[in-house]
Structures are given as C-alpha cells and as structure tokens.
Amino acid sequence: MSKVIMRLNELSCPSCMVKIEAAMTTTKGVANAKVLFNASKVKAEFDENVVSADELISKVEKLGYPVLSSKVTVV
C-alpha cells in the first residue's frame, strides 16, 4: 500500500469535502480516503498495482480542485 497527501487550494464549503471523499473512496484500488477541510488536504491509501498517485491527483483536479502539491509514501 502507498499513501498520497495532496494539498489543495482552499476548500470553500463542506460539500466540496464530501464530493472529493466520495470520488476517492469509490475509486478501485483506494483503501481509504479522508479530506481535511480546514487544512485543504486529501489523504488516501491506495494499491499502486491498481491505481497510481497521478491518476488520483488527476481525478481530484477533474472535479475542479487544483492540487498545489503532493507527497507519495509507501506504507
């Protein structure tokens, strides 16, 4: 398993958090995902054999939330 932490531009409302979490948790290969609203961060654990960090970042950006930076670690 790997973990990605994405720093986003400021989230404007709690429904943004729900939208991102729903998209991430329904993605095949994602074990869990959490959006930290006040910190404007997304944390996700995923299986690199199924989905890549770049694909997850792209998914968040396609929802309309630019990823300012990201960090991937193997857990």
N, C-alpha and C. Protein backbone atom coordinates (compact mmCIF):
# COMPACT_ATOMS: atom_id res chain seq x y z
N MET A 1 0.84 -1.19 0.00
CA MET A 1 0.00 0.00 0.00
C MET A 1 0.88 1.24 0.00
N SER A 2 0.35 2.28 -0.61
CA SER A 2 1.00 3.57 -0.63
C SER A 2 0.03 4.62 -0.12
N LYS A 3 0.57 5.76 0.24
CA LYS A 3 -0.26 6.86 0.70
C LYS A 3 0.10 8.11 -0.08
N VAL A 4 -0.92 8.87 -0.47
CA VAL A 4 -0.69 10.16 -1.11
C VAL A 4 -1.37 11.23 -0.27
N ILE A 5 -0.68 12.34 -0.11
CA ILE A 5 -1.24 13.51 0.56
C ILE A 5 -1.20 14.64 -0.46
N MET A 6 -2.37 15.19 -0.74
CA MET A 6 -2.48 16.28 -1.71
C MET A 6 -2.87 17.57 -1.00
N ARG A 7 -2.14 18.62 -1.26
CA ARG A 7 -2.51 19.94 -0.73
C ARG A 7 -3.27 20.66 -1.82
N LEU A 8 -4.48 21.11 -1.48
CA LEU A 8 -5.36 21.77 -2.43
C LEU A 8 -5.41 23.26 -2.18
N ASN A 9 -5.94 23.97 -3.17
CA ASN A 9 -6.28 25.36 -2.95
C ASN A 9 -7.37 25.36 -1.89
N GLU A 10 -7.62 26.42 -1.23
CA GLU A 10 -8.60 26.48 -0.15
C GLU A 10 -9.95 25.90 -0.57
N LEU A 11 -10.48 24.99 0.24
CA LEU A 11 -11.81 24.44 0.00
C LEU A 11 -12.84 25.45 0.49
N SER A 12 -13.88 25.67 -0.28
CA SER A 12 -14.83 26.73 0.05
C SER A 12 -16.03 26.27 0.86
N CYS A 13 -16.35 24.97 0.86
CA CYS A 13 -17.53 24.52 1.60
C CYS A 13 -17.41 23.03 1.94
N PRO A 14 -18.14 22.60 2.97
CA PRO A 14 -18.08 21.18 3.35
C PRO A 14 -18.57 20.23 2.25
N SER A 15 -19.43 20.70 1.37
CA SER A 15 -19.88 19.81 0.29
C SER A 15 -18.74 19.48 -0.67
N CYS A 16 -17.75 20.35 -0.76
CA CYS A 16 -16.55 20.06 -1.57
C CYS A 16 -15.84 18.85 -0.97
N MET A 17 -15.75 18.83 0.34
CA MET A 17 -15.10 17.74 1.05
C MET A 17 -15.83 16.42 0.76
N VAL A 18 -17.14 16.44 0.84
CA VAL A 18 -17.95 15.25 0.60
C VAL A 18 -17.78 14.76 -0.83
N LYS A 19 -17.78 15.69 -1.77
CA LYS A 19 -17.63 15.35 -3.19
C LYS A 19 -16.29 14.66 -3.47
N ILE A 20 -15.21 15.20 -2.91
CA ILE A 20 -13.88 14.62 -3.12
C ILE A 20 -13.78 13.25 -2.44
N GLU A 21 -14.24 13.16 -1.19
CA GLU A 21 -14.18 11.88 -0.47
C GLU A 21 -14.97 10.80 -1.21
N ALA A 22 -16.14 11.14 -1.72
CA ALA A 22 -16.95 10.16 -2.45
C ALA A 22 -16.24 9.67 -3.70
N ALA A 23 -15.63 10.59 -4.43
CA ALA A 23 -14.92 10.22 -5.66
C ALA A 23 -13.71 9.33 -5.34
N MET A 24 -13.01 9.64 -4.28
CA MET A 24 -11.83 8.87 -3.93
C MET A 24 -12.19 7.49 -3.40
N THR A 25 -13.15 7.41 -2.50
CA THR A 25 -13.47 6.13 -1.87
C THR A 25 -14.14 5.16 -2.83
N THR A 26 -14.70 5.65 -3.91
CA THR A 26 -15.32 4.75 -4.90
C THR A 26 -14.35 4.37 -6.02
N THR A 27 -13.12 4.84 -5.95
CA THR A 27 -12.11 4.51 -6.95
C THR A 27 -11.50 3.16 -6.62
N LYS A 28 -11.49 2.28 -7.61
CA LYS A 28 -10.91 0.95 -7.42
C LYS A 28 -9.44 1.09 -7.03
N GLY A 29 -9.05 0.38 -5.98
CA GLY A 29 -7.67 0.41 -5.51
C GLY A 29 -7.44 1.34 -4.34
N VAL A 30 -8.41 2.19 -4.02
CA VAL A 30 -8.28 3.09 -2.88
C VAL A 30 -8.85 2.40 -1.64
N ALA A 31 -7.99 2.21 -0.63
CA ALA A 31 -8.41 1.54 0.60
C ALA A 31 -9.20 2.49 1.50
N ASN A 32 -8.75 3.72 1.60
CA ASN A 32 -9.48 4.74 2.36
C ASN A 32 -9.01 6.12 1.92
N ALA A 33 -9.88 7.08 2.15
CA ALA A 33 -9.56 8.47 1.79
C ALA A 33 -10.21 9.40 2.80
N LYS A 34 -9.55 10.48 3.10
CA LYS A 34 -10.04 11.46 4.05
C LYS A 34 -9.67 12.85 3.57
N VAL A 35 -10.63 13.76 3.60
CA VAL A 35 -10.37 15.15 3.26
C VAL A 35 -10.33 15.94 4.56
N LEU A 36 -9.26 16.67 4.76
CA LEU A 36 -9.13 17.54 5.92
C LEU A 36 -9.54 18.94 5.48
N PHE A 37 -10.79 19.29 5.76
CA PHE A 37 -11.38 20.53 5.25
C PHE A 37 -10.58 21.77 5.66
N ASN A 38 -10.31 21.92 6.94
CA ASN A 38 -9.62 23.13 7.42
C ASN A 38 -8.20 23.25 6.91
N ALA A 39 -7.55 22.11 6.64
CA ALA A 39 -6.17 22.12 6.14
C ALA A 39 -6.12 22.09 4.61
N SER A 40 -7.26 21.89 3.96
CA SER A 40 -7.35 21.77 2.49
C SER A 40 -6.40 20.70 1.98
N LYS A 41 -6.50 19.50 2.60
CA LYS A 41 -5.66 18.37 2.20
C LYS A 41 -6.52 17.13 1.97
N VAL A 42 -6.04 16.28 1.09
CA VAL A 42 -6.64 14.97 0.85
C VAL A 42 -5.59 13.93 1.17
N LYS A 43 -5.96 12.94 1.98
CA LYS A 43 -5.08 11.82 2.29
C LYS A 43 -5.76 10.56 1.80
N ALA A 44 -5.01 9.72 1.09
CA ALA A 44 -5.58 8.46 0.58
C ALA A 44 -4.55 7.35 0.62
N GLU A 45 -4.99 6.17 1.04
CA GLU A 45 -4.17 4.97 0.95
C GLU A 45 -4.67 4.18 -0.24
N PHE A 46 -3.72 3.70 -1.06
CA PHE A 46 -4.12 3.03 -2.29
C PHE A 46 -3.14 1.95 -2.68
N ASP A 47 -3.59 1.05 -3.54
CA ASP A 47 -2.77 -0.04 -4.06
C ASP A 47 -2.20 0.40 -5.40
N GLU A 48 -0.89 0.59 -5.47
CA GLU A 48 -0.24 1.06 -6.70
C GLU A 48 -0.36 0.06 -7.85
N ASN A 49 -0.71 -1.19 -7.56
CA ASN A 49 -0.91 -2.17 -8.62
C ASN A 49 -2.25 -1.98 -9.33
N VAL A 50 -3.12 -1.18 -8.72
CA VAL A 50 -4.46 -0.96 -9.27
C VAL A 50 -4.63 0.46 -9.80
N VAL A 51 -4.14 1.44 -9.05
CA VAL A 51 -4.30 2.85 -9.42
C VAL A 51 -3.03 3.59 -9.00
N SER A 52 -2.66 4.60 -9.77
CA SER A 52 -1.45 5.36 -9.45
C SER A 52 -1.80 6.67 -8.73
N ALA A 53 -0.82 7.23 -8.07
CA ALA A 53 -1.00 8.53 -7.41
C ALA A 53 -1.36 9.59 -8.44
N ASP A 54 -0.74 9.54 -9.62
CA ASP A 54 -1.05 10.51 -10.67
C ASP A 54 -2.51 10.43 -11.10
N GLU A 55 -3.05 9.21 -11.15
CA GLU A 55 -4.46 9.04 -11.51
C GLU A 55 -5.37 9.64 -10.44
N LEU A 56 -5.00 9.47 -9.18
CA LEU A 56 -5.80 10.04 -8.09
C LEU A 56 -5.74 11.57 -8.10
N ILE A 57 -4.56 12.10 -8.35
CA ILE A 57 -4.40 13.56 -8.44
C ILE A 57 -5.24 14.09 -9.60
N SER A 58 -5.18 13.42 -10.73
CA SER A 58 -5.96 13.82 -11.90
C SER A 58 -7.45 13.79 -11.60
N LYS A 59 -7.89 12.79 -10.87
CA LYS A 59 -9.30 12.66 -10.53
C LYS A 59 -9.77 13.86 -9.70
N VAL A 60 -8.97 14.26 -8.72
CA VAL A 60 -9.31 15.41 -7.88
C VAL A 60 -9.34 16.68 -8.72
N GLU A 61 -8.37 16.84 -9.60
CA GLU A 61 -8.32 18.04 -10.44
C GLU A 61 -9.49 18.09 -11.42
N LYS A 62 -9.92 16.93 -11.93
CA LYS A 62 -11.08 16.90 -12.84
C LYS A 62 -12.37 17.29 -12.14
N LEU A 63 -12.39 17.15 -10.81
CA LEU A 63 -13.55 17.60 -10.03
C LEU A 63 -13.56 19.12 -9.87
N GLY A 64 -12.44 19.75 -10.24
CA GLY A 64 -12.36 21.21 -10.16
C GLY A 64 -11.55 21.74 -9.00
N TYR A 65 -10.72 20.87 -8.39
CA TYR A 65 -9.92 21.27 -7.25
C TYR A 65 -8.44 21.12 -7.58
N PRO A 66 -7.76 22.21 -7.92
CA PRO A 66 -6.34 22.13 -8.28
C PRO A 66 -5.49 21.60 -7.13
N VAL A 67 -4.60 20.67 -7.44
CA VAL A 67 -3.66 20.13 -6.46
C VAL A 67 -2.40 20.97 -6.53
N LEU A 68 -2.09 21.66 -5.42
CA LEU A 68 -0.93 22.54 -5.39
C LEU A 68 0.37 21.77 -5.20
N SER A 69 0.31 20.70 -4.41
CA SER A 69 1.48 19.85 -4.20
C SER A 69 1.00 18.48 -3.72
N SER A 70 1.88 17.50 -3.85
CA SER A 70 1.53 16.16 -3.38
C SER A 70 2.79 15.45 -2.90
N LYS A 71 2.56 14.47 -2.02
CA LYS A 71 3.65 13.66 -1.50
C LYS A 71 3.16 12.22 -1.44
N VAL A 72 3.93 11.31 -2.01
CA VAL A 72 3.58 9.89 -2.03
C VAL A 72 4.58 9.13 -1.16
N THR A 73 4.06 8.27 -0.29
CA THR A 73 4.90 7.43 0.54
C THR A 73 4.39 6.00 0.49
N VAL A 74 5.29 5.06 0.69
CA VAL A 74 4.91 3.64 0.76
C VAL A 74 4.74 3.30 2.22
N VAL A 75 3.58 2.72 2.56
CA VAL A 75 3.31 2.35 3.96
C VAL A 75 3.28 0.85 4.13
